[in-house]
Amino acid sequence: MVEETLLRLTLAIIIGTLAAIVYSLRILVLVERRIARMDLNIERMTQRIAAEELKIEAEEKKIEKQLTSGSAKKRRR
């Protein structure tokens, strides 16, 4: 009788431990998915910022070119 109770208790502990491991893995997968989505969103934002920076640099070059050609015309006069 005592052996049977001890066996059931041991089995309950083992099953509880396995359930805790499975639950932890489930949470780990959910967290990993969330981090992957955050990483993807950060990558998208970075690409948008880089594209905007390229536009700004092109506009700056255009303005500088206009300014330098304008000052060259003033010098000729």
PDB file of N, CA and C in Angstrom:
ATOM      1  N   MET A   1       0.817  -1.189   0.000  1.00  0.00           N
ATOM      2  CA  MET A   1       0.000   0.000   0.000  1.00  0.00           C
ATOM      3  C   MET A   1       0.871   1.266   0.000  1.00  0.00           C
ATOM      4  N   VAL A   2       1.879   1.308   0.844  1.00  0.00           N
ATOM      5  CA  VAL A   2       2.773   2.454   0.930  1.00  0.00           C
ATOM      6  C   VAL A   2       3.572   2.565  -0.370  1.00  0.00           C
ATOM      7  N   GLU A   3       3.974   1.427  -0.897  1.00  0.00           N
ATOM      8  CA  GLU A   3       4.729   1.421  -2.143  1.00  0.00           C
ATOM      9  C   GLU A   3       3.881   1.968  -3.288  1.00  0.00           C
ATOM     10  N   GLU A   4       2.619   1.606  -3.306  1.00  0.00           N
ATOM     11  CA  GLU A   4       1.716   2.080  -4.361  1.00  0.00           C
ATOM     12  C   GLU A   4       1.526   3.593  -4.253  1.00  0.00           C
ATOM     13  N   THR A   5       1.385   4.095  -3.051  1.00  0.00           N
ATOM     14  CA  THR A   5       1.226   5.532  -2.845  1.00  0.00           C
ATOM     15  C   THR A   5       2.502   6.269  -3.271  1.00  0.00           C
ATOM     16  N   LEU A   6       3.648   5.720  -2.899  1.00  0.00           N
ATOM     17  CA  LEU A   6       4.923   6.319  -3.272  1.00  0.00           C
ATOM     18  C   LEU A   6       5.102   6.305  -4.784  1.00  0.00           C
ATOM     19  N   LEU A   7       4.682   5.217  -5.426  1.00  0.00           N
ATOM     20  CA  LEU A   7       4.771   5.113  -6.874  1.00  0.00           C
ATOM     21  C   LEU A   7       3.871   6.145  -7.549  1.00  0.00           C
ATOM     22  N   ARG A   8       2.665   6.299  -7.030  1.00  0.00           N
ATOM     23  CA  ARG A   8       1.741   7.295  -7.592  1.00  0.00           C
ATOM     24  C   ARG A   8       2.280   8.712  -7.397  1.00  0.00           C
ATOM     25  N   LEU A   9       2.852   8.966  -6.245  1.00  0.00           N
ATOM     26  CA  LEU A   9       3.419  10.284  -5.971  1.00  0.00           C
ATOM     27  C   LEU A   9       4.584  10.577  -6.920  1.00  0.00           C
ATOM     28  N   THR A  10       5.447   9.600  -7.105  1.00  0.00           N
ATOM     29  CA  THR A  10       6.573   9.760  -8.032  1.00  0.00           C
ATOM     30  C   THR A  10       6.080   9.998  -9.446  1.00  0.00           C
ATOM     31  N   LEU A  11       5.086   9.225  -9.867  1.00  0.00           N
ATOM     32  CA  LEU A  11       4.515   9.395 -11.205  1.00  0.00           C
ATOM     33  C   LEU A  11       3.874  10.771 -11.354  1.00  0.00           C
ATOM     34  N   ALA A  12       3.186  11.242 -10.326  1.00  0.00           N
ATOM     35  CA  ALA A  12       2.570  12.569 -10.367  1.00  0.00           C
ATOM     36  C   ALA A  12       3.633  13.661 -10.485  1.00  0.00           C
ATOM     37  N   ILE A  13       4.745  13.486  -9.782  1.00  0.00           N
ATOM     38  CA  ILE A  13       5.834  14.474  -9.857  1.00  0.00           C
ATOM     39  C   ILE A  13       6.433  14.482 -11.257  1.00  0.00           C
ATOM     40  N   ILE A  14       6.656  13.295 -11.815  1.00  0.00           N
ATOM     41  CA  ILE A  14       7.214  13.212 -13.168  1.00  0.00           C
ATOM     42  C   ILE A  14       6.271  13.833 -14.186  1.00  0.00           C
ATOM     43  N   ILE A  15       4.983  13.524 -14.095  1.00  0.00           N
ATOM     44  CA  ILE A  15       4.006  14.088 -15.037  1.00  0.00           C
ATOM     45  C   ILE A  15       3.908  15.602 -14.863  1.00  0.00           C
ATOM     46  N   GLY A  16       3.937  16.084 -13.637  1.00  0.00           N
ATOM     47  CA  GLY A  16       3.904  17.523 -13.386  1.00  0.00           C
ATOM     48  C   GLY A  16       5.122  18.223 -13.958  1.00  0.00           C
ATOM     49  N   THR A  17       6.279  17.596 -13.812  1.00  0.00           N
ATOM     50  CA  THR A  17       7.508  18.169 -14.358  1.00  0.00           C
ATOM     51  C   THR A  17       7.451  18.229 -15.883  1.00  0.00           C
ATOM     52  N   LEU A  18       6.982  17.154 -16.503  1.00  0.00           N
ATOM     53  CA  LEU A  18       6.848  17.145 -17.963  1.00  0.00           C
ATOM     54  C   LEU A  18       5.848  18.197 -18.440  1.00  0.00           C
ATOM     55  N   ALA A  19       4.746  18.359 -17.705  1.00  0.00           N
ATOM     56  CA  ALA A  19       3.760  19.385 -18.069  1.00  0.00           C
ATOM     57  C   ALA A  19       4.376  20.784 -17.957  1.00  0.00           C
ATOM     58  N   ALA A  20       5.176  20.999 -16.938  1.00  0.00           N
ATOM     59  CA  ALA A  20       5.836  22.298 -16.775  1.00  0.00           C
ATOM     60  C   ALA A  20       6.819  22.550 -17.913  1.00  0.00           C
ATOM     61  N   ILE A  21       7.530  21.520 -18.334  1.00  0.00           N
ATOM     62  CA  ILE A  21       8.471  21.669 -19.448  1.00  0.00           C
ATOM     63  C   ILE A  21       7.728  22.001 -20.732  1.00  0.00           C
ATOM     64  N   VAL A  22       6.627  21.290 -20.993  1.00  0.00           N
ATOM     65  CA  VAL A  22       5.846  21.555 -22.201  1.00  0.00           C
ATOM     66  C   VAL A  22       5.286  22.973 -22.179  1.00  0.00           C
ATOM     67  N   TYR A  23       4.775  23.413 -21.043  1.00  0.00           N
ATOM     68  CA  TYR A  23       4.241  24.774 -20.920  1.00  0.00           C
ATOM     69  C   TYR A  23       5.341  25.805 -21.137  1.00  0.00           C
ATOM     70  N   SER A  24       6.519  25.557 -20.573  1.00  0.00           N
ATOM     71  CA  SER A  24       7.636  26.487 -20.745  1.00  0.00           C
ATOM     72  C   SER A  24       8.046  26.581 -22.210  1.00  0.00           C
ATOM     73  N   LEU A  25       8.065  25.454 -22.898  1.00  0.00           N
ATOM     74  CA  LEU A  25       8.401  25.472 -24.322  1.00  0.00           C
ATOM     75  C   LEU A  25       7.356  26.244 -25.114  1.00  0.00           C
ATOM     76  N   ARG A  26       6.104  26.100 -24.750  1.00  0.00           N
ATOM     77  CA  ARG A  26       5.031  26.841 -25.426  1.00  0.00           C
ATOM     78  C   ARG A  26       5.237  28.341 -25.263  1.00  0.00           C
ATOM     79  N   ILE A  27       5.517  28.766 -24.039  1.00  0.00           N
ATOM     80  CA  ILE A  27       5.761  30.185 -23.769  1.00  0.00           C
ATOM     81  C   ILE A  27       7.001  30.656 -24.529  1.00  0.00           C
ATOM     82  N   LEU A  28       8.033  29.821 -24.556  1.00  0.00           N
ATOM     83  CA  LEU A  28       9.256  30.175 -25.267  1.00  0.00           C
ATOM     84  C   LEU A  28       8.992  30.389 -26.754  1.00  0.00           C
ATOM     85  N   VAL A  29       8.179  29.550 -27.353  1.00  0.00           N
ATOM     86  CA  VAL A  29       7.836  29.693 -28.772  1.00  0.00           C
ATOM     87  C   VAL A  29       7.056  30.978 -29.002  1.00  0.00           C
ATOM     88  N   LEU A  30       6.118  31.274 -28.121  1.00  0.00           N
ATOM     89  CA  LEU A  30       5.335  32.508 -28.264  1.00  0.00           C
ATOM     90  C   LEU A  30       6.228  33.743 -28.158  1.00  0.00           C
ATOM     91  N   VAL A  31       7.145  33.730 -27.209  1.00  0.00           N
ATOM     92  CA  VAL A  31       8.061  34.866 -27.040  1.00  0.00           C
ATOM     93  C   VAL A  31       8.964  34.999 -28.266  1.00  0.00           C
ATOM     94  N   GLU A  32       9.437  33.868 -28.784  1.00  0.00           N
ATOM     95  CA  GLU A  32      10.304  33.907 -29.963  1.00  0.00           C
ATOM     96  C   GLU A  32       9.559  34.481 -31.160  1.00  0.00           C
ATOM     97  N   ARG A  33       8.309  34.115 -31.329  1.00  0.00           N
ATOM     98  CA  ARG A  33       7.507  34.669 -32.428  1.00  0.00           C
ATOM     99  C   ARG A  33       7.339  36.173 -32.276  1.00  0.00           C
ATOM    100  N   ARG A  34       7.083  36.606 -31.059  1.00  0.00           N
ATOM    101  CA  ARG A  34       6.913  38.036 -30.810  1.00  0.00           C
ATOM    102  C   ARG A  34       8.205  38.794 -31.115  1.00  0.00           C
ATOM    103  N   ILE A  35       9.319  38.247 -30.698  1.00  0.00           N
ATOM    104  CA  ILE A  35      10.607  38.886 -30.970  1.00  0.00           C
ATOM    105  C   ILE A  35      10.879  38.921 -32.463  1.00  0.00           C
ATOM    106  N   ALA A  36      10.514  37.859 -33.173  1.00  0.00           N
ATOM    107  CA  ALA A  36      10.713  37.831 -34.625  1.00  0.00           C
ATOM    108  C   ALA A  36       9.878  38.917 -35.303  1.00  0.00           C
ATOM    109  N   ARG A  37       8.644  39.117 -34.837  1.00  0.00           N
ATOM    110  CA  ARG A  37       7.807  40.194 -35.400  1.00  0.00           C
ATOM    111  C   ARG A  37       8.402  41.558 -35.104  1.00  0.00           C
ATOM    112  N   MET A  38       8.908  41.739 -33.893  1.00  0.00           N
ATOM    113  CA  MET A  38       9.531  43.013 -33.548  1.00  0.00           C
ATOM    114  C   MET A  38      10.757  43.257 -34.426  1.00  0.00           C
ATOM    115  N   ASP A  39      11.536  42.217 -34.634  1.00  0.00           N
ATOM    116  CA  ASP A  39      12.724  42.331 -35.477  1.00  0.00           C
ATOM    117  C   ASP A  39      12.339  42.701 -36.906  1.00  0.00           C
ATOM    118  N   LEU A  40      11.284  42.091 -37.416  1.00  0.00           N
ATOM    119  CA  LEU A  40      10.813  42.408 -38.764  1.00  0.00           C
ATOM    120  C   LEU A  40      10.338  43.858 -38.852  1.00  0.00           C
ATOM    121  N   ASN A  41       9.620  44.315 -37.838  1.00  0.00           N
ATOM    122  CA  ASN A  41       9.151  45.705 -37.834  1.00  0.00           C
ATOM    123  C   ASN A  41      10.321  46.685 -37.756  1.00  0.00           C
ATOM    124  N   ILE A  42      11.330  46.357 -36.968  1.00  0.00           N
ATOM    125  CA  ILE A  42      12.510  47.217 -36.881  1.00  0.00           C
ATOM    126  C   ILE A  42      13.221  47.261 -38.229  1.00  0.00           C
ATOM    127  N   GLU A  43      13.301  46.116 -38.894  1.00  0.00           N
ATOM    128  CA  GLU A  43      13.938  46.080 -40.210  1.00  0.00           C
ATOM    129  C   GLU A  43      13.172  46.934 -41.221  1.00  0.00           C
ATOM    130  N   ARG A  44      11.856  46.857 -41.184  1.00  0.00           N
ATOM    131  CA  ARG A  44      11.039  47.680 -42.095  1.00  0.00           C
ATOM    132  C   ARG A  44      11.255  49.167 -41.825  1.00  0.00           C
ATOM    133  N   MET A  45      11.260  49.543 -40.540  1.00  0.00           N
ATOM    134  CA  MET A  45      11.470  50.951 -40.200  1.00  0.00           C
ATOM    135  C   MET A  45      12.848  51.421 -40.660  1.00  0.00           C
ATOM    136  N   THR A  46      13.843  50.565 -40.496  1.00  0.00           N
ATOM    137  CA  THR A  46      15.200  50.911 -40.912  1.00  0.00           C
ATOM    138  C   THR A  46      15.263  51.125 -42.420  1.00  0.00           C
ATOM    139  N   GLN A  47      14.589  50.272 -43.169  1.00  0.00           N
ATOM    140  CA  GLN A  47      14.570  50.424 -44.623  1.00  0.00           C
ATOM    141  C   GLN A  47      13.880  51.724 -45.029  1.00  0.00           C
ATOM    142  N   ARG A  48      12.793  52.051 -44.360  1.00  0.00           N
ATOM    143  CA  ARG A  48      12.094  53.305 -44.663  1.00  0.00           C
ATOM    144  C   ARG A  48      12.972  54.511 -44.348  1.00  0.00           C
ATOM    145  N   ILE A  49      13.662  54.457 -43.219  1.00  0.00           N
ATOM    146  CA  ILE A  49      14.540  55.565 -42.839  1.00  0.00           C
ATOM    147  C   ILE A  49      15.684  55.697 -43.836  1.00  0.00           C
ATOM    148  N   ALA A  50      16.243  54.568 -44.259  1.00  0.00           N
ATOM    149  CA  ALA A  50      17.336  54.612 -45.236  1.00  0.00           C
ATOM    150  C   ALA A  50      16.857  55.200 -46.555  1.00  0.00           C
ATOM    151  N   ALA A  51      15.669  54.814 -46.997  1.00  0.00           N
ATOM    152  CA  ALA A  51      15.130  55.367 -48.243  1.00  0.00           C
ATOM    153  C   ALA A  51      14.898  56.868 -48.110  1.00  0.00           C
ATOM    154  N   GLU A  52      14.396  57.292 -46.967  1.00  0.00           N
ATOM    155  CA  GLU A  52      14.166  58.716 -46.727  1.00  0.00           C
ATOM    156  C   GLU A  52      15.488  59.480 -46.692  1.00  0.00           C
ATOM    157  N   GLU A  53      16.504  58.882 -46.085  1.00  0.00           N
ATOM    158  CA  GLU A  53      17.827  59.505 -46.050  1.00  0.00           C
ATOM    159  C   GLU A  53      18.383  59.686 -47.460  1.00  0.00           C
ATOM    160  N   LEU A  54      18.203  58.687 -48.312  1.00  0.00           N
ATOM    161  CA  LEU A  54      18.666  58.803 -49.693  1.00  0.00           C
ATOM    162  C   LEU A  54      17.951  59.944 -50.426  1.00  0.00           C
ATOM    163  N   LYS A  55      16.653  60.072 -50.179  1.00  0.00           N
ATOM    164  CA  LYS A  55      15.897  61.169 -50.797  1.00  0.00           C
ATOM    165  C   LYS A  55      16.426  62.522 -50.313  1.00  0.00           C
ATOM    166  N   ILE A  56      16.684  62.604 -49.022  1.00  0.00           N
ATOM    167  CA  ILE A  56      17.180  63.859 -48.449  1.00  0.00           C
ATOM    168  C   ILE A  56      18.553  64.195 -49.022  1.00  0.00           C
ATOM    169  N   GLU A  57      19.429  63.209 -49.110  1.00  0.00           N
ATOM    170  CA  GLU A  57      20.763  63.450 -49.668  1.00  0.00           C
ATOM    171  C   GLU A  57      20.685  63.895 -51.124  1.00  0.00           C
ATOM    172  N   ALA A  58      19.801  63.272 -51.891  1.00  0.00           N
ATOM    173  CA  ALA A  58      19.645  63.669 -53.295  1.00  0.00           C
ATOM    174  C   ALA A  58      19.139  65.105 -53.382  1.00  0.00           C
ATOM    175  N   GLU A  59      18.210  65.469 -52.523  1.00  0.00           N
ATOM    176  CA  GLU A  59      17.682  66.833 -52.518  1.00  0.00           C
ATOM    177  C   GLU A  59      18.765  67.829 -52.106  1.00  0.00           C
ATOM    178  N   GLU A  60      19.586  67.442 -51.123  1.00  0.00           N
ATOM    179  CA  GLU A  60      20.678  68.319 -50.697  1.00  0.00           C
ATOM    180  C   GLU A  60      21.669  68.550 -51.835  1.00  0.00           C
ATOM    181  N   LYS A  61      22.009  67.489 -52.550  1.00  0.00           N
ATOM    182  CA  LYS A  61      22.931  67.631 -53.681  1.00  0.00           C
ATOM    183  C   LYS A  61      22.332  68.538 -54.751  1.00  0.00           C
ATOM    184  N   LYS A  62      21.042  68.383 -54.970  1.00  0.00           N
ATOM    185  CA  LYS A  62      20.358  69.211 -55.968  1.00  0.00           C
ATOM    186  C   LYS A  62      20.415  70.688 -55.562  1.00  0.00           C
ATOM    187  N   ILE A  63      20.153  70.955 -54.283  1.00  0.00           N
ATOM    188  CA  ILE A  63      20.182  72.333 -53.786  1.00  0.00           C
ATOM    189  C   ILE A  63      21.601  72.896 -53.849  1.00  0.00           C
ATOM    190  N   GLU A  64      22.586  72.087 -53.447  1.00  0.00           N
ATOM    191  CA  GLU A  64      23.974  72.544 -53.507  1.00  0.00           C
ATOM    192  C   GLU A  64      24.394  72.854 -54.941  1.00  0.00           C
ATOM    193  N   LYS A  65      23.964  72.015 -55.856  1.00  0.00           N
ATOM    194  CA  LYS A  65      24.291  72.240 -57.263  1.00  0.00           C
ATOM    195  C   LYS A  65      23.668  73.551 -57.753  1.00  0.00           C
ATOM    196  N   GLN A  66      22.419  73.803 -57.358  1.00  0.00           N
ATOM    197  CA  GLN A  66      21.754  75.046 -57.748  1.00  0.00           C
ATOM    198  C   GLN A  66      22.460  76.251 -57.139  1.00  0.00           C
ATOM    199  N   LEU A  67      22.883  76.117 -55.891  1.00  0.00           N
ATOM    200  CA  LEU A  67      23.569  77.224 -55.230  1.00  0.00           C
ATOM    201  C   LEU A  67      24.929  77.501 -55.863  1.00  0.00           C
ATOM    202  N   THR A  68      25.679  76.441 -56.170  1.00  0.00           N
ATOM    203  CA  THR A  68      26.997  76.647 -56.759  1.00  0.00           C
ATOM    204  C   THR A  68      26.884  77.182 -58.177  1.00  0.00           C
ATOM    205  N   SER A  69      25.896  76.733 -58.931  1.00  0.00           N
ATOM    206  CA  SER A  69      25.736  77.260 -60.298  1.00  0.00           C
ATOM    207  C   SER A  69      25.219  78.693 -60.245  1.00  0.00           C
ATOM    208  N   GLY A  70      24.427  79.040 -59.257  1.00  0.00           N
ATOM    209  CA  GLY A  70      23.929  80.399 -59.099  1.00  0.00           C
ATOM    210  C   GLY A  70      25.030  81.358 -58.707  1.00  0.00           C
ATOM    211  N   SER A  71      25.929  80.936 -57.819  1.00  0.00           N
ATOM    212  CA  SER A  71      27.028  81.814 -57.410  1.00  0.00           C
ATOM    213  C   SER A  71      28.050  81.956 -58.533  1.00  0.00           C
ATOM    214  N   ALA A  72      28.182  80.946 -59.377  1.00  0.00           N
ATOM    215  CA  ALA A  72      29.085  81.038 -60.517  1.00  0.00           C
ATOM    216  C   ALA A  72      28.547  82.065 -61.522  1.00  0.00           C
ATOM    217  N   LYS A  73      27.250  82.107 -61.696  1.00  0.00           N
ATOM    218  CA  LYS A  73      26.642  83.086 -62.606  1.00  0.00           C
ATOM    219  C   LYS A  73      26.857  84.497 -62.078  1.00  0.00           C
ATOM    220  N   LYS A  74      26.777  84.674 -60.749  1.00  0.00           N
ATOM    221  CA  LYS A  74      26.980  85.997 -60.159  1.00  0.00           C
ATOM    222  C   LYS A  74      28.417  86.459 -60.361  1.00  0.00           C
ATOM    223  N   ARG A  75      29.358  85.532 -60.305  1.00  0.00           N
ATOM    224  CA  ARG A  75      30.766  85.872 -60.474  1.00  0.00           C
ATOM    225  C   ARG A  75      31.050  86.334 -61.912  1.00  0.00           C
ATOM    226  N   ARG A  76      30.361  85.735 -62.865  1.00  0.00           N
ATOM    227  CA  ARG A  76      30.575  86.096 -64.255  1.00  0.00           C
ATOM    228  C   ARG A  76      30.143  87.527 -64.545  1.00  0.00           C
ATOM    229  N   ARG A  77      29.176  88.016 -63.850  1.00  0.00           N
ATOM    230  CA  ARG A  77      28.632  89.364 -64.112  1.00  0.00           C
ATOM    231  C   ARG A  77      29.534  90.395 -63.631  1.00  0.00           C
TER     232      ARG A  77
END
